Amino acid sequence: MLYKNLVKMITRGSYDKEDLLRKMDIYLLNNRITQEQYTELVALMA
């Protein structure tokens, strides 16, 4: 669920890159998203 919401945010462009990266780091450390999902989300931002 969190992953899908992050994908929607990124594809809409409604985010601050540095802020979202910090949040995603926390989600990754707390096992709310996987390493693969993290990598995909970062690639979407590029």
PDB file of N, CA and C in Angstrom:
ATOM      1  N   MET A   1       0.819  -1.189   0.000  1.00  0.00           N
ATOM      2  CA  MET A   1       0.000   0.000   0.000  1.00  0.00           C
ATOM      3  C   MET A   1       0.869   1.262   0.000  1.00  0.00           C
ATOM      4  N   LEU A   2       1.831   1.316   0.899  1.00  0.00           N
ATOM      5  CA  LEU A   2       2.721   2.469   0.963  1.00  0.00           C
ATOM      6  C   LEU A   2       3.474   2.630  -0.351  1.00  0.00           C
ATOM      7  N   TYR A   3       3.957   1.513  -0.885  1.00  0.00           N
ATOM      8  CA  TYR A   3       4.702   1.541  -2.143  1.00  0.00           C
ATOM      9  C   TYR A   3       3.849   2.125  -3.273  1.00  0.00           C
ATOM     10  N   LYS A   4       2.611   1.672  -3.374  1.00  0.00           N
ATOM     11  CA  LYS A   4       1.727   2.167  -4.430  1.00  0.00           C
ATOM     12  C   LYS A   4       1.460   3.655  -4.279  1.00  0.00           C
ATOM     13  N   ASN A   5       1.292   4.113  -3.050  1.00  0.00           N
ATOM     14  CA  ASN A   5       1.070   5.538  -2.810  1.00  0.00           C
ATOM     15  C   ASN A   5       2.301   6.361  -3.189  1.00  0.00           C
ATOM     16  N   LEU A   6       3.474   5.834  -2.899  1.00  0.00           N
ATOM     17  CA  LEU A   6       4.699   6.534  -3.269  1.00  0.00           C
ATOM     18  C   LEU A   6       4.851   6.616  -4.782  1.00  0.00           C
ATOM     19  N   VAL A   7       4.512   5.550  -5.475  1.00  0.00           N
ATOM     20  CA  VAL A   7       4.572   5.555  -6.939  1.00  0.00           C
ATOM     21  C   VAL A   7       3.641   6.628  -7.489  1.00  0.00           C
ATOM     22  N   LYS A   8       2.430   6.712  -6.963  1.00  0.00           N
ATOM     23  CA  LYS A   8       1.469   7.725  -7.416  1.00  0.00           C
ATOM     24  C   LYS A   8       2.005   9.131  -7.181  1.00  0.00           C
ATOM     25  N   MET A   9       2.562   9.369  -5.995  1.00  0.00           N
ATOM     26  CA  MET A   9       3.117  10.693  -5.680  1.00  0.00           C
ATOM     27  C   MET A   9       4.212  11.070  -6.667  1.00  0.00           C
ATOM     28  N   ILE A  10       5.100  10.132  -6.930  1.00  0.00           N
ATOM     29  CA  ILE A  10       6.241  10.414  -7.799  1.00  0.00           C
ATOM     30  C   ILE A  10       5.779  10.643  -9.238  1.00  0.00           C
ATOM     31  N   THR A  11       4.874   9.819  -9.728  1.00  0.00           N
ATOM     32  CA  THR A  11       4.430   9.982 -11.112  1.00  0.00           C
ATOM     33  C   THR A  11       3.645  11.272 -11.305  1.00  0.00           C
ATOM     34  N   ARG A  12       2.974  11.725 -10.269  1.00  0.00           N
ATOM     35  CA  ARG A  12       2.257  13.015 -10.344  1.00  0.00           C
ATOM     36  C   ARG A  12       3.195  14.203 -10.198  1.00  0.00           C
ATOM     37  N   GLY A  13       4.370  13.960  -9.636  1.00  0.00           N
ATOM     38  CA  GLY A  13       5.327  15.034  -9.440  1.00  0.00           C
ATOM     39  C   GLY A  13       5.042  15.872  -8.211  1.00  0.00           C
ATOM     40  N   SER A  14       4.229  15.358  -7.301  1.00  0.00           N
ATOM     41  CA  SER A  14       3.842  16.131  -6.113  1.00  0.00           C
ATOM     42  C   SER A  14       4.705  15.750  -4.913  1.00  0.00           C
ATOM     43  N   TYR A  15       5.996  16.069  -4.992  1.00  0.00           N
ATOM     44  CA  TYR A  15       6.914  15.743  -3.904  1.00  0.00           C
ATOM     45  C   TYR A  15       8.150  16.627  -3.975  1.00  0.00           C
ATOM     46  N   ASP A  16       8.816  16.773  -2.838  1.00  0.00           N
ATOM     47  CA  ASP A  16      10.122  17.408  -2.762  1.00  0.00           C
ATOM     48  C   ASP A  16      11.140  16.263  -2.722  1.00  0.00           C
ATOM     49  N   LYS A  17      12.036  16.230  -3.665  1.00  0.00           N
ATOM     50  CA  LYS A  17      12.926  15.074  -3.831  1.00  0.00           C
ATOM     51  C   LYS A  17      13.727  14.762  -2.568  1.00  0.00           C
ATOM     52  N   GLU A  18      14.373  15.743  -1.992  1.00  0.00           N
ATOM     53  CA  GLU A  18      15.205  15.502  -0.806  1.00  0.00           C
ATOM     54  C   GLU A  18      14.364  15.021   0.372  1.00  0.00           C
ATOM     55  N   ASP A  19      13.213  15.631   0.562  1.00  0.00           N
ATOM     56  CA  ASP A  19      12.324  15.241   1.650  1.00  0.00           C
ATOM     57  C   ASP A  19      11.829  13.809   1.470  1.00  0.00           C
ATOM     58  N   LEU A  20      11.411  13.478   0.263  1.00  0.00           N
ATOM     59  CA  LEU A  20      10.896  12.141   0.009  1.00  0.00           C
ATOM     60  C   LEU A  20      12.000  11.093   0.129  1.00  0.00           C
ATOM     61  N   LEU A  21      13.200  11.408  -0.304  1.00  0.00           N
ATOM     62  CA  LEU A  21      14.312  10.464  -0.156  1.00  0.00           C
ATOM     63  C   LEU A  21      14.587  10.164   1.312  1.00  0.00           C
ATOM     64  N   ARG A  22      14.537  11.202   2.171  1.00  0.00           N
ATOM     65  CA  ARG A  22      14.724  10.989   3.606  1.00  0.00           C
ATOM     66  C   ARG A  22      13.647  10.064   4.170  1.00  0.00           C
ATOM     67  N   LYS A  23      12.406  10.317   3.777  1.00  0.00           N
ATOM     68  CA  LYS A  23      11.305   9.478   4.254  1.00  0.00           C
ATOM     69  C   LYS A  23      11.458   8.046   3.757  1.00  0.00           C
ATOM     70  N   MET A  24      11.835   7.888   2.504  1.00  0.00           N
ATOM     71  CA  MET A  24      12.010   6.550   1.941  1.00  0.00           C
ATOM     72  C   MET A  24      13.138   5.797   2.640  1.00  0.00           C
ATOM     73  N   ASP A  25      14.187   6.512   3.037  1.00  0.00           N
ATOM     74  CA  ASP A  25      15.271   5.884   3.797  1.00  0.00           C
ATOM     75  C   ASP A  25      14.734   5.311   5.102  1.00  0.00           C
ATOM     76  N   ILE A  26      13.884   6.067   5.763  1.00  0.00           N
ATOM     77  CA  ILE A  26      13.289   5.608   7.020  1.00  0.00           C
ATOM     78  C   ILE A  26      12.374   4.418   6.773  1.00  0.00           C
ATOM     79  N   TYR A  27      11.563   4.489   5.720  1.00  0.00           N
ATOM     80  CA  TYR A  27      10.685   3.363   5.385  1.00  0.00           C
ATOM     81  C   TYR A  27      11.500   2.104   5.119  1.00  0.00           C
ATOM     82  N   LEU A  28      12.612   2.260   4.430  1.00  0.00           N
ATOM     83  CA  LEU A  28      13.477   1.117   4.120  1.00  0.00           C
ATOM     84  C   LEU A  28      14.076   0.543   5.405  1.00  0.00           C
ATOM     85  N   LEU A  29      14.576   1.395   6.272  1.00  0.00           N
ATOM     86  CA  LEU A  29      15.176   0.933   7.522  1.00  0.00           C
ATOM     87  C   LEU A  29      14.165   0.240   8.432  1.00  0.00           C
ATOM     88  N   ASN A  30      12.911   0.650   8.338  1.00  0.00           N
ATOM     89  CA  ASN A  30      11.861   0.049   9.167  1.00  0.00           C
ATOM     90  C   ASN A  30      11.099  -1.056   8.442  1.00  0.00           C
ATOM     91  N   ASN A  31      11.656  -1.516   7.331  1.00  0.00           N
ATOM     92  CA  ASN A  31      11.073  -2.619   6.552  1.00  0.00           C
ATOM     93  C   ASN A  31       9.647  -2.350   6.086  1.00  0.00           C
ATOM     94  N   ARG A  32       9.337  -1.087   5.806  1.00  0.00           N
ATOM     95  CA  ARG A  32       8.018  -0.762   5.258  1.00  0.00           C
ATOM     96  C   ARG A  32       8.028  -0.880   3.738  1.00  0.00           C
ATOM     97  N   ILE A  33       9.227  -0.754   3.138  1.00  0.00           N
ATOM     98  CA  ILE A  33       9.423  -1.026   1.720  1.00  0.00           C
ATOM     99  C   ILE A  33      10.675  -1.882   1.591  1.00  0.00           C
ATOM    100  N   THR A  34      10.774  -2.628   0.488  1.00  0.00           N
ATOM    101  CA  THR A  34      11.941  -3.489   0.275  1.00  0.00           C
ATOM    102  C   THR A  34      13.037  -2.707  -0.455  1.00  0.00           C
ATOM    103  N   GLN A  35      14.219  -3.279  -0.486  1.00  0.00           N
ATOM    104  CA  GLN A  35      15.332  -2.668  -1.214  1.00  0.00           C
ATOM    105  C   GLN A  35      14.991  -2.525  -2.692  1.00  0.00           C
ATOM    106  N   GLU A  36      14.332  -3.523  -3.254  1.00  0.00           N
ATOM    107  CA  GLU A  36      13.945  -3.481  -4.665  1.00  0.00           C
ATOM    108  C   GLU A  36      12.952  -2.347  -4.916  1.00  0.00           C
ATOM    109  N   GLN A  37      11.982  -2.190  -4.028  1.00  0.00           N
ATOM    110  CA  GLN A  37      11.005  -1.105  -4.173  1.00  0.00           C
ATOM    111  C   GLN A  37      11.692   0.240  -4.050  1.00  0.00           C
ATOM    112  N   TYR A  38      12.605   0.362  -3.111  1.00  0.00           N
ATOM    113  CA  TYR A  38      13.351   1.600  -2.921  1.00  0.00           C
ATOM    114  C   TYR A  38      14.101   1.971  -4.196  1.00  0.00           C
ATOM    115  N   THR A  39      14.779   0.980  -4.767  1.00  0.00           N
ATOM    116  CA  THR A  39      15.542   1.211  -5.999  1.00  0.00           C
ATOM    117  C   THR A  39      14.624   1.658  -7.138  1.00  0.00           C
ATOM    118  N   GLU A  40      13.464   1.022  -7.261  1.00  0.00           N
ATOM    119  CA  GLU A  40      12.515   1.391  -8.302  1.00  0.00           C
ATOM    120  C   GLU A  40      11.988   2.819  -8.095  1.00  0.00           C
ATOM    121  N   LEU A  41      11.708   3.181  -6.860  1.00  0.00           N
ATOM    122  CA  LEU A  41      11.187   4.518  -6.576  1.00  0.00           C
ATOM    123  C   LEU A  41      12.235   5.591  -6.888  1.00  0.00           C
ATOM    124  N   VAL A  42      13.473   5.328  -6.532  1.00  0.00           N
ATOM    125  CA  VAL A  42      14.543   6.286  -6.830  1.00  0.00           C
ATOM    126  C   VAL A  42      14.701   6.439  -8.345  1.00  0.00           C
ATOM    127  N   ALA A  43      14.585   5.337  -9.075  1.00  0.00           N
ATOM    128  CA  ALA A  43      14.695   5.388 -10.527  1.00  0.00           C
ATOM    129  C   ALA A  43      13.543   6.190 -11.126  1.00  0.00           C
ATOM    130  N   LEU A  44      12.352   6.092 -10.553  1.00  0.00           N
ATOM    131  CA  LEU A  44      11.207   6.870 -11.033  1.00  0.00           C
ATOM    132  C   LEU A  44      11.426   8.368 -10.873  1.00  0.00           C
ATOM    133  N   MET A  45      12.173   8.738  -9.846  1.00  0.00           N
ATOM    134  CA  MET A  45      12.433  10.170  -9.593  1.00  0.00           C
ATOM    135  C   MET A  45      13.373  10.775 -10.636  1.00  0.00           C
ATOM    136  N   ALA A  46      14.177   9.936 -11.265  1.00  0.00           N
ATOM    137  CA  ALA A  46      15.189  10.437 -12.200  1.00  0.00           C
ATOM    138  C   ALA A  46      14.629  10.840 -13.526  1.00  0.00           C
TER     139      ALA A  46
END
